[in-house]
Amino acid sequence: MQTIEEALAKLSRSKFRGSFKLTKGEREYVNKHGLEVIRNHTKDFISKRLAPAFIPNDGAQTPTKGHPAFKAQHACACCCRSCLNKWYNVPKNTELTHLQQEKIVNLLMAWIEKEMNKNK
């Protein structure tokens, strides 16, 4: 089992995953609302858009902009069940457990915090 740091390092080596960065507007959003609010939003997005066993629009359920969590989902390969399966061997068509959801949220928040700490 890989650590968050190991996962982030592996993701950063991917040309596609490593290309995602928080915009100035997304950084301002995080600063305005705070990390705890962002974490709560992220939990909600994961539980509704990624955790169900069957997602009618799997592969298209996560926008690439509009919220820092969406950007983090793409950067961390947690945007759809296909990416979760490819990067983390999470089976498709099974509901994510509470622990799996928590691990995903923790990874996404670590990515967001890392992005927020760049260029300080």
C-alpha atoms as a PDB file:
ATOM      1  CA  MET A   1       0.000   0.000   0.000  1.00  0.00           C
ATOM      2  CA  GLN A   2       1.454   3.335  -1.033  1.00  0.00           C
ATOM      3  CA  THR A   3       1.545   6.425   1.116  1.00  0.00           C
ATOM      4  CA  ILE A   4       0.016   9.750   0.075  1.00  0.00           C
ATOM      5  CA  GLU A   5       3.524  11.084  -0.607  1.00  0.00           C
ATOM      6  CA  GLU A   6       4.339   8.090  -2.809  1.00  0.00           C
ATOM      7  CA  ALA A   7       1.061   8.470  -4.707  1.00  0.00           C
ATOM      8  CA  LEU A   8       1.630  12.194  -5.271  1.00  0.00           C
ATOM      9  CA  ALA A   9       5.178  11.540  -6.481  1.00  0.00           C
ATOM     10  CA  LYS A  10       3.972   8.852  -8.916  1.00  0.00           C
ATOM     11  CA  LEU A  11       1.170  11.086 -10.193  1.00  0.00           C
ATOM     12  CA  SER A  12       3.550  14.024 -10.700  1.00  0.00           C
ATOM     13  CA  ARG A  13       5.646  11.864 -13.039  1.00  0.00           C
ATOM     14  CA  SER A  14       2.660  11.417 -15.351  1.00  0.00           C
ATOM     15  CA  LYS A  15       2.672  14.035 -18.103  1.00  0.00           C
ATOM     16  CA  PHE A  16      -1.140  14.295 -17.971  1.00  0.00           C
ATOM     17  CA  ARG A  17      -1.669  14.108 -14.186  1.00  0.00           C
ATOM     18  CA  GLY A  18       1.302  16.372 -13.506  1.00  0.00           C
ATOM     19  CA  SER A  19      -0.077  19.063 -15.794  1.00  0.00           C
ATOM     20  CA  PHE A  20      -2.874  20.045 -13.400  1.00  0.00           C
ATOM     21  CA  LYS A  21      -2.291  23.132 -11.261  1.00  0.00           C
ATOM     22  CA  LEU A  22      -4.601  25.300  -9.185  1.00  0.00           C
ATOM     23  CA  THR A  23      -5.410  28.588 -10.887  1.00  0.00           C
ATOM     24  CA  LYS A  24      -5.212  31.923  -9.123  1.00  0.00           C
ATOM     25  CA  GLY A  25      -9.002  31.905  -8.794  1.00  0.00           C
ATOM     26  CA  GLU A  26      -9.006  28.430  -7.278  1.00  0.00           C
ATOM     27  CA  ARG A  27      -6.306  29.462  -4.800  1.00  0.00           C
ATOM     28  CA  GLU A  28      -8.383  32.491  -3.837  1.00  0.00           C
ATOM     29  CA  TYR A  29     -11.410  30.222  -3.377  1.00  0.00           C
ATOM     30  CA  VAL A  30      -9.449  28.001  -0.985  1.00  0.00           C
ATOM     31  CA  ASN A  31      -8.142  31.025   0.932  1.00  0.00           C
ATOM     32  CA  LYS A  32     -11.617  32.542   1.151  1.00  0.00           C
ATOM     33  CA  HIS A  33     -13.411  29.395   2.343  1.00  0.00           C
ATOM     34  CA  GLY A  34     -10.638  27.565   4.181  1.00  0.00           C
ATOM     35  CA  LEU A  35      -9.389  24.005   3.951  1.00  0.00           C
ATOM     36  CA  GLU A  36     -12.075  22.562   6.227  1.00  0.00           C
ATOM     37  CA  VAL A  37     -14.872  23.809   3.960  1.00  0.00           C
ATOM     38  CA  ILE A  38     -12.977  22.512   0.916  1.00  0.00           C
ATOM     39  CA  ARG A  39     -12.613  19.129   2.668  1.00  0.00           C
ATOM     40  CA  ASN A  40     -16.363  19.017   3.329  1.00  0.00           C
ATOM     41  CA  HIS A  41     -17.127  19.855  -0.299  1.00  0.00           C
ATOM     42  CA  THR A  42     -14.660  17.186  -1.413  1.00  0.00           C
ATOM     43  CA  LYS A  43     -16.268  14.547   0.833  1.00  0.00           C
ATOM     44  CA  ASP A  44     -19.646  15.411  -0.643  1.00  0.00           C
ATOM     45  CA  PHE A  45     -18.380  15.230  -4.239  1.00  0.00           C
ATOM     46  CA  ILE A  46     -16.738  11.849  -3.643  1.00  0.00           C
ATOM     47  CA  SER A  47     -19.726  10.330  -1.868  1.00  0.00           C
ATOM     48  CA  LYS A  48     -22.167  11.429  -4.573  1.00  0.00           C
ATOM     49  CA  ARG A  49     -20.115  11.312  -7.772  1.00  0.00           C
ATOM     50  CA  LEU A  50     -17.526   8.580  -7.248  1.00  0.00           C
ATOM     51  CA  ALA A  51     -18.619   6.234  -4.452  1.00  0.00           C
ATOM     52  CA  PRO A  52     -21.770   4.651  -5.943  1.00  0.00           C
ATOM     53  CA  ALA A  53     -21.363   1.216  -7.512  1.00  0.00           C
ATOM     54  CA  PHE A  54     -22.932   2.349 -10.773  1.00  0.00           C
ATOM     55  CA  ILE A  55     -22.403   5.827 -12.150  1.00  0.00           C
ATOM     56  CA  PRO A  56     -24.504   6.506 -15.254  1.00  0.00           C
ATOM     57  CA  ASN A  57     -22.034   9.026 -16.707  1.00  0.00           C
ATOM     58  CA  ASP A  58     -18.811   7.433 -15.457  1.00  0.00           C
ATOM     59  CA  GLY A  59     -15.866   9.125 -17.083  1.00  0.00           C
ATOM     60  CA  ALA A  60     -17.738  12.393 -17.497  1.00  0.00           C
ATOM     61  CA  GLN A  61     -18.970  13.093 -13.968  1.00  0.00           C
ATOM     62  CA  THR A  62     -16.089  15.302 -12.864  1.00  0.00           C
ATOM     63  CA  PRO A  63     -15.653  18.739 -14.416  1.00  0.00           C
ATOM     64  CA  THR A  64     -12.117  20.012 -14.935  1.00  0.00           C
ATOM     65  CA  LYS A  65     -12.878  23.408 -13.418  1.00  0.00           C
ATOM     66  CA  GLY A  66     -15.291  25.117 -11.068  1.00  0.00           C
ATOM     67  CA  HIS A  67     -13.888  23.867  -7.759  1.00  0.00           C
ATOM     68  CA  PRO A  68     -10.379  23.020  -6.495  1.00  0.00           C
ATOM     69  CA  ALA A  69     -11.544  19.488  -5.657  1.00  0.00           C
ATOM     70  CA  PHE A  70     -12.391  18.822  -9.310  1.00  0.00           C
ATOM     71  CA  LYS A  71      -8.879  19.801 -10.372  1.00  0.00           C
ATOM     72  CA  ALA A  72      -7.460  17.604  -7.591  1.00  0.00           C
ATOM     73  CA  GLN A  73      -9.578  14.656  -8.708  1.00  0.00           C
ATOM     74  CA  HIS A  74      -8.064  14.810 -12.194  1.00  0.00           C
ATOM     75  CA  ALA A  75      -4.538  15.403 -10.895  1.00  0.00           C
ATOM     76  CA  CYS A  76      -4.855  12.414  -8.552  1.00  0.00           C
ATOM     77  CA  ALA A  77      -6.656  10.046 -10.949  1.00  0.00           C
ATOM     78  CA  CYS A  78      -9.751  10.035  -8.726  1.00  0.00           C
ATOM     79  CA  CYS A  79     -12.056  11.539 -11.326  1.00  0.00           C
ATOM     80  CA  CYS A  80     -13.892   8.380 -12.406  1.00  0.00           C
ATOM     81  CA  ARG A  81     -14.053   4.701 -11.629  1.00  0.00           C
ATOM     82  CA  SER A  82     -11.940   3.819 -14.675  1.00  0.00           C
ATOM     83  CA  CYS A  83      -9.072   5.963 -13.393  1.00  0.00           C
ATOM     84  CA  LEU A  84      -9.461   4.586  -9.866  1.00  0.00           C
ATOM     85  CA  ASN A  85      -9.240   1.097 -11.309  1.00  0.00           C
ATOM     86  CA  LYS A  86      -6.229   1.872 -13.511  1.00  0.00           C
ATOM     87  CA  TRP A  87      -4.190   3.772 -10.898  1.00  0.00           C
ATOM     88  CA  TYR A  88      -5.282   2.144  -7.620  1.00  0.00           C
ATOM     89  CA  ASN A  89      -6.826  -1.208  -8.612  1.00  0.00           C
ATOM     90  CA  VAL A  90     -10.190  -0.206  -7.137  1.00  0.00           C
ATOM     91  CA  PRO A  91     -12.787  -2.497  -8.713  1.00  0.00           C
ATOM     92  CA  LYS A  92     -15.471  -0.949 -10.875  1.00  0.00           C
ATOM     93  CA  ASN A  93     -19.147  -1.523 -10.130  1.00  0.00           C
ATOM     94  CA  THR A  94     -18.676  -1.846  -6.380  1.00  0.00           C
ATOM     95  CA  GLU A  95     -19.623   0.868  -3.918  1.00  0.00           C
ATOM     96  CA  LEU A  96     -16.630   2.544  -2.324  1.00  0.00           C
ATOM     97  CA  THR A  97     -16.317   1.874   1.383  1.00  0.00           C
ATOM     98  CA  HIS A  98     -16.177   4.698   3.896  1.00  0.00           C
ATOM     99  CA  LEU A  99     -12.455   3.989   4.339  1.00  0.00           C
ATOM    100  CA  GLN A 100     -11.810   4.148   0.592  1.00  0.00           C
ATOM    101  CA  GLN A 101     -13.686   7.438   0.381  1.00  0.00           C
ATOM    102  CA  GLU A 102     -11.694   8.816   3.313  1.00  0.00           C
ATOM    103  CA  LYS A 103      -8.400   7.818   1.683  1.00  0.00           C
ATOM    104  CA  ILE A 104      -9.417   9.508  -1.571  1.00  0.00           C
ATOM    105  CA  VAL A 105     -10.422  12.689   0.240  1.00  0.00           C
ATOM    106  CA  ASN A 106      -7.123  12.683   2.157  1.00  0.00           C
ATOM    107  CA  LEU A 107      -5.164  12.291  -1.094  1.00  0.00           C
ATOM    108  CA  LEU A 108      -7.099  15.089  -2.791  1.00  0.00           C
ATOM    109  CA  MET A 109      -6.654  17.406   0.174  1.00  0.00           C
ATOM    110  CA  ALA A 110      -2.919  16.650   0.296  1.00  0.00           C
ATOM    111  CA  TRP A 111      -2.681  17.613  -3.383  1.00  0.00           C
ATOM    112  CA  ILE A 112      -4.639  20.831  -2.774  1.00  0.00           C
ATOM    113  CA  GLU A 113      -2.473  21.738   0.234  1.00  0.00           C
ATOM    114  CA  LYS A 114       0.693  21.037  -1.757  1.00  0.00           C
ATOM    115  CA  GLU A 115      -0.580  23.302  -4.544  1.00  0.00           C
ATOM    116  CA  MET A 116      -1.470  26.019  -2.023  1.00  0.00           C
ATOM    117  CA  ASN A 117       2.062  25.902  -0.588  1.00  0.00           C
ATOM    118  CA  LYS A 118       3.751  26.381  -3.960  1.00  0.00           C
ATOM    119  CA  ASN A 119       5.159  29.841  -4.666  1.00  0.00           C
ATOM    120  CA  LYS A 120       4.572  31.136  -1.124  1.00  0.00           C
END
